PDB file of N, CA and C in Angstrom:
ATOM      1  N   MET A   1       0.518  15.599  -3.775  1.00  0.00           N
ATOM      2  CA  MET A   1      -0.549  15.729  -2.694  1.00  0.00           C
ATOM      3  C   MET A   1       0.122  15.288  -1.257  1.00  0.00           C
ATOM      4  N   ASP A   2      -0.339  16.167  -0.231  1.00  0.00           N
ATOM      5  CA  ASP A   2       0.318  15.825   0.978  1.00  0.00           C
ATOM      6  C   ASP A   2      -0.595  15.234   1.765  1.00  0.00           C
ATOM      7  N   LEU A   3      -0.856  13.943   2.126  1.00  0.00           N
ATOM      8  CA  LEU A   3      -2.045  13.300   2.847  1.00  0.00           C
ATOM      9  C   LEU A   3      -1.836  13.288   4.102  1.00  0.00           C
ATOM     10  N   GLN A   4      -0.524  13.771   4.786  1.00  0.00           N
ATOM     11  CA  GLN A   4      -0.224  13.763   6.174  1.00  0.00           C
ATOM     12  C   GLN A   4       0.078  12.449   6.465  1.00  0.00           C
ATOM     13  N   LEU A   5       0.660  11.348   5.745  1.00  0.00           N
ATOM     14  CA  LEU A   5       0.573   9.917   6.299  1.00  0.00           C
ATOM     15  C   LEU A   5       1.921   9.283   6.741  1.00  0.00           C
ATOM     16  N   LYS A   6       2.784  10.344   6.795  1.00  0.00           N
ATOM     17  CA  LYS A   6       4.246  10.233   7.349  1.00  0.00           C
ATOM     18  C   LYS A   6       4.217   9.672   8.792  1.00  0.00           C
ATOM     19  N   ASP A   7       4.810   8.514   8.892  1.00  0.00           N
ATOM     20  CA  ASP A   7       4.798   7.671  10.270  1.00  0.00           C
ATOM     21  C   ASP A   7       3.436   7.321  10.600  1.00  0.00           C
ATOM     22  N   LYS A   8       2.545   6.820   9.431  1.00  0.00           N
ATOM     23  CA  LYS A   8       1.035   6.047   9.778  1.00  0.00           C
ATOM     24  C   LYS A   8       1.337   4.972   9.322  1.00  0.00           C
ATOM     25  N   LEU A   9       0.711   3.787   9.683  1.00  0.00           N
ATOM     26  CA  LEU A   9       0.619   2.417   9.323  1.00  0.00           C
ATOM     27  C   LEU A   9      -0.693   2.204   8.551  1.00  0.00           C
ATOM     28  N   VAL A  10      -0.450   1.683   7.349  1.00  0.00           N
ATOM     29  CA  VAL A  10      -1.722   1.311   6.421  1.00  0.00           C
ATOM     30  C   VAL A  10      -1.794  -0.130   6.169  1.00  0.00           C
ATOM     31  N   LEU A  11      -2.763  -0.852   6.200  1.00  0.00           N
ATOM     32  CA  LEU A  11      -2.928  -2.190   6.041  1.00  0.00           C
ATOM     33  C   LEU A  11      -3.847  -2.211   4.609  1.00  0.00           C
ATOM     34  N   ILE A  12      -3.409  -2.952   3.658  1.00  0.00           N
ATOM     35  CA  ILE A  12      -4.220  -3.097   2.418  1.00  0.00           C
ATOM     36  C   ILE A  12      -4.179  -4.671   2.014  1.00  0.00           C
ATOM     37  N   THR A  13      -5.767  -4.978   1.813  1.00  0.00           N
ATOM     38  CA  THR A  13      -5.823  -6.292   1.354  1.00  0.00           C
ATOM     39  C   THR A  13      -6.226  -6.282   0.041  1.00  0.00           C
ATOM     40  N   GLY A  14      -5.804  -7.465  -0.643  1.00  0.00           N
ATOM     41  CA  GLY A  14      -6.051  -7.623  -2.248  1.00  0.00           C
ATOM     42  C   GLY A  14      -4.961  -6.587  -2.782  1.00  0.00           C
ATOM     43  N   SER A  15      -3.708  -6.614  -2.545  1.00  0.00           N
ATOM     44  CA  SER A  15      -2.637  -5.931  -3.025  1.00  0.00           C
ATOM     45  C   SER A  15      -1.827  -6.441  -4.092  1.00  0.00           C
ATOM     46  N   THR A  16      -2.065  -7.360  -4.557  1.00  0.00           N
ATOM     47  CA  THR A  16      -1.225  -8.190  -5.491  1.00  0.00           C
ATOM     48  C   THR A  16      -1.428  -7.598  -7.018  1.00  0.00           C
ATOM     49  N   SER A  17      -2.539  -6.892  -7.295  1.00  0.00           N
ATOM     50  CA  SER A  17      -2.599  -6.339  -8.419  1.00  0.00           C
ATOM     51  C   SER A  17      -3.978  -5.089  -8.421  1.00  0.00           C
ATOM     52  N   GLY A  18      -3.887  -4.435  -9.348  1.00  0.00           N
ATOM     53  CA  GLY A  18      -4.898  -3.576  -9.655  1.00  0.00           C
ATOM     54  C   GLY A  18      -5.065  -2.331  -8.809  1.00  0.00           C
ATOM     55  N   ILE A  19      -6.289  -2.224  -8.312  1.00  0.00           N
ATOM     56  CA  ILE A  19      -6.534  -0.872  -7.405  1.00  0.00           C
ATOM     57  C   ILE A  19      -5.741  -1.143  -5.915  1.00  0.00           C
ATOM     58  N   GLY A  20      -5.523  -2.312  -5.482  1.00  0.00           N
ATOM     59  CA  GLY A  20      -4.906  -2.522  -4.029  1.00  0.00           C
ATOM     60  C   GLY A  20      -3.325  -2.315  -4.196  1.00  0.00           C
ATOM     61  N   LYS A  21      -2.590  -2.763  -5.419  1.00  0.00           N
ATOM     62  CA  LYS A  21      -1.476  -2.500  -5.561  1.00  0.00           C
ATOM     63  C   LYS A  21      -1.217  -0.876  -5.754  1.00  0.00           C
ATOM     64  N   ALA A  22      -1.883  -0.329  -6.571  1.00  0.00           N
ATOM     65  CA  ALA A  22      -1.644   1.118  -6.845  1.00  0.00           C
ATOM     66  C   ALA A  22      -1.739   1.778  -5.610  1.00  0.00           C
ATOM     67  N   ALA A  23      -2.955   1.547  -4.693  1.00  0.00           N
ATOM     68  CA  ALA A  23      -3.050   2.174  -3.337  1.00  0.00           C
ATOM     69  C   ALA A  23      -1.653   1.924  -2.542  1.00  0.00           C
ATOM     70  N   ALA A  24      -1.076   0.834  -2.683  1.00  0.00           N
ATOM     71  CA  ALA A  24       0.050   0.571  -1.833  1.00  0.00           C
ATOM     72  C   ALA A  24       1.157   1.537  -2.191  1.00  0.00           C
ATOM     73  N   LYS A  25       1.464   1.516  -3.367  1.00  0.00           N
ATOM     74  CA  LYS A  25       2.363   2.409  -4.099  1.00  0.00           C
ATOM     75  C   LYS A  25       2.213   3.901  -3.740  1.00  0.00           C
ATOM     76  N   SER A  26       0.645   4.073  -3.774  1.00  0.00           N
ATOM     77  CA  SER A  26       0.589   5.724  -3.363  1.00  0.00           C
ATOM     78  C   SER A  26       0.755   6.076  -2.034  1.00  0.00           C
ATOM     79  N   PHE A  27       0.603   5.122  -1.008  1.00  0.00           N
ATOM     80  CA  PHE A  27       0.582   5.315   0.362  1.00  0.00           C
ATOM     81  C   PHE A  27       2.155   5.430   0.676  1.00  0.00           C
ATOM     82  N   LEU A  28       2.937   4.299   0.037  1.00  0.00           N
ATOM     83  CA  LEU A  28       4.347   4.534   0.164  1.00  0.00           C
ATOM     84  C   LEU A  28       5.101   5.894  -0.175  1.00  0.00           C
ATOM     85  N   GLN A  29       4.507   6.428  -1.304  1.00  0.00           N
ATOM     86  CA  GLN A  29       5.000   7.486  -1.628  1.00  0.00           C
ATOM     87  C   GLN A  29       4.599   8.871  -0.944  1.00  0.00           C
ATOM     88  N   GLU A  30       3.649   8.576  -0.263  1.00  0.00           N
ATOM     89  CA  GLU A  30       3.225   9.638   0.810  1.00  0.00           C
ATOM     90  C   GLU A  30       3.884   9.609   2.090  1.00  0.00           C
ATOM     91  N   GLY A  31       4.633   8.524   2.280  1.00  0.00           N
ATOM     92  CA  GLY A  31       5.470   8.321   3.430  1.00  0.00           C
ATOM     93  C   GLY A  31       4.901   7.469   4.817  1.00  0.00           C
ATOM     94  N   ALA A  32       3.736   6.695   4.128  1.00  0.00           N
ATOM     95  CA  ALA A  32       3.251   5.761   5.052  1.00  0.00           C
ATOM     96  C   ALA A  32       4.056   4.520   5.186  1.00  0.00           C
ATOM     97  N   ALA A  33       4.046   3.686   6.226  1.00  0.00           N
ATOM     98  CA  ALA A  33       4.271   2.308   6.299  1.00  0.00           C
ATOM     99  C   ALA A  33       3.222   1.426   5.986  1.00  0.00           C
ATOM    100  N   VAL A  34       3.567   0.734   4.977  1.00  0.00           N
ATOM    101  CA  VAL A  34       2.314  -0.303   4.379  1.00  0.00           C
ATOM    102  C   VAL A  34       2.541  -1.781   4.486  1.00  0.00           C
ATOM    103  N   ILE A  35       1.486  -2.201   4.985  1.00  0.00           N
ATOM    104  CA  ILE A  35       1.425  -4.059   5.097  1.00  0.00           C
ATOM    105  C   ILE A  35       0.492  -4.191   3.974  1.00  0.00           C
ATOM    106  N   VAL A  36       0.872  -5.144   3.359  1.00  0.00           N
ATOM    107  CA  VAL A  36       0.089  -5.719   2.064  1.00  0.00           C
ATOM    108  C   VAL A  36      -0.242  -7.117   2.356  1.00  0.00           C
ATOM    109  N   ASN A  37      -1.033  -7.602   1.667  1.00  0.00           N
ATOM    110  CA  ASN A  37      -1.815  -8.788   1.812  1.00  0.00           C
ATOM    111  C   ASN A  37      -2.436  -9.170   0.542  1.00  0.00           C
ATOM    112  N   GLY A  38      -2.222 -10.376   0.028  1.00  0.00           N
ATOM    113  CA  GLY A  38      -2.790 -10.724  -1.198  1.00  0.00           C
ATOM    114  C   GLY A  38      -3.061 -12.441  -1.315  1.00  0.00           C
ATOM    115  N   ARG A  39      -3.646 -12.806  -2.201  1.00  0.00           N
ATOM    116  CA  ARG A  39      -3.708 -14.261  -2.456  1.00  0.00           C
ATOM    117  C   ARG A  39      -2.811 -14.799  -3.199  1.00  0.00           C
ATOM    118  N   LYS A  40      -2.116 -14.313  -4.020  1.00  0.00           N
ATOM    119  CA  LYS A  40      -0.988 -14.523  -5.152  1.00  0.00           C
ATOM    120  C   LYS A  40       0.511 -14.259  -4.324  1.00  0.00           C
ATOM    121  N   THR A  41       1.344 -15.065  -4.674  1.00  0.00           N
ATOM    122  CA  THR A  41       2.703 -14.913  -4.232  1.00  0.00           C
ATOM    123  C   THR A  41       3.596 -14.446  -5.093  1.00  0.00           C
ATOM    124  N   GLY A  42       4.580 -13.628  -4.672  1.00  0.00           N
ATOM    125  CA  GLY A  42       5.412 -12.929  -5.749  1.00  0.00           C
ATOM    126  C   GLY A  42       5.487 -11.431  -5.190  1.00  0.00           C
ATOM    127  N   ASP A  43       5.898 -10.630  -6.342  1.00  0.00           N
ATOM    128  CA  ASP A  43       5.927  -9.230  -6.023  1.00  0.00           C
ATOM    129  C   ASP A  43       4.586  -8.437  -5.722  1.00  0.00           C
ATOM    130  N   CYS A  44       4.571  -7.740  -4.701  1.00  0.00           N
ATOM    131  CA  CYS A  44       3.223  -6.991  -4.277  1.00  0.00           C
ATOM    132  C   CYS A  44       3.651  -5.394  -4.543  1.00  0.00           C
TER     133      CYS A  44
END
């Protein structure tokens, strides 16, 4: 799927697990730059 997100910036909150984490991965695969934020430390 081409969402035309190349060179776009995406901010995702609640990204340490679940839907937020999956969304971050999807946006990265579409070429967007992704900023993630979550309450837990560690891998996002």
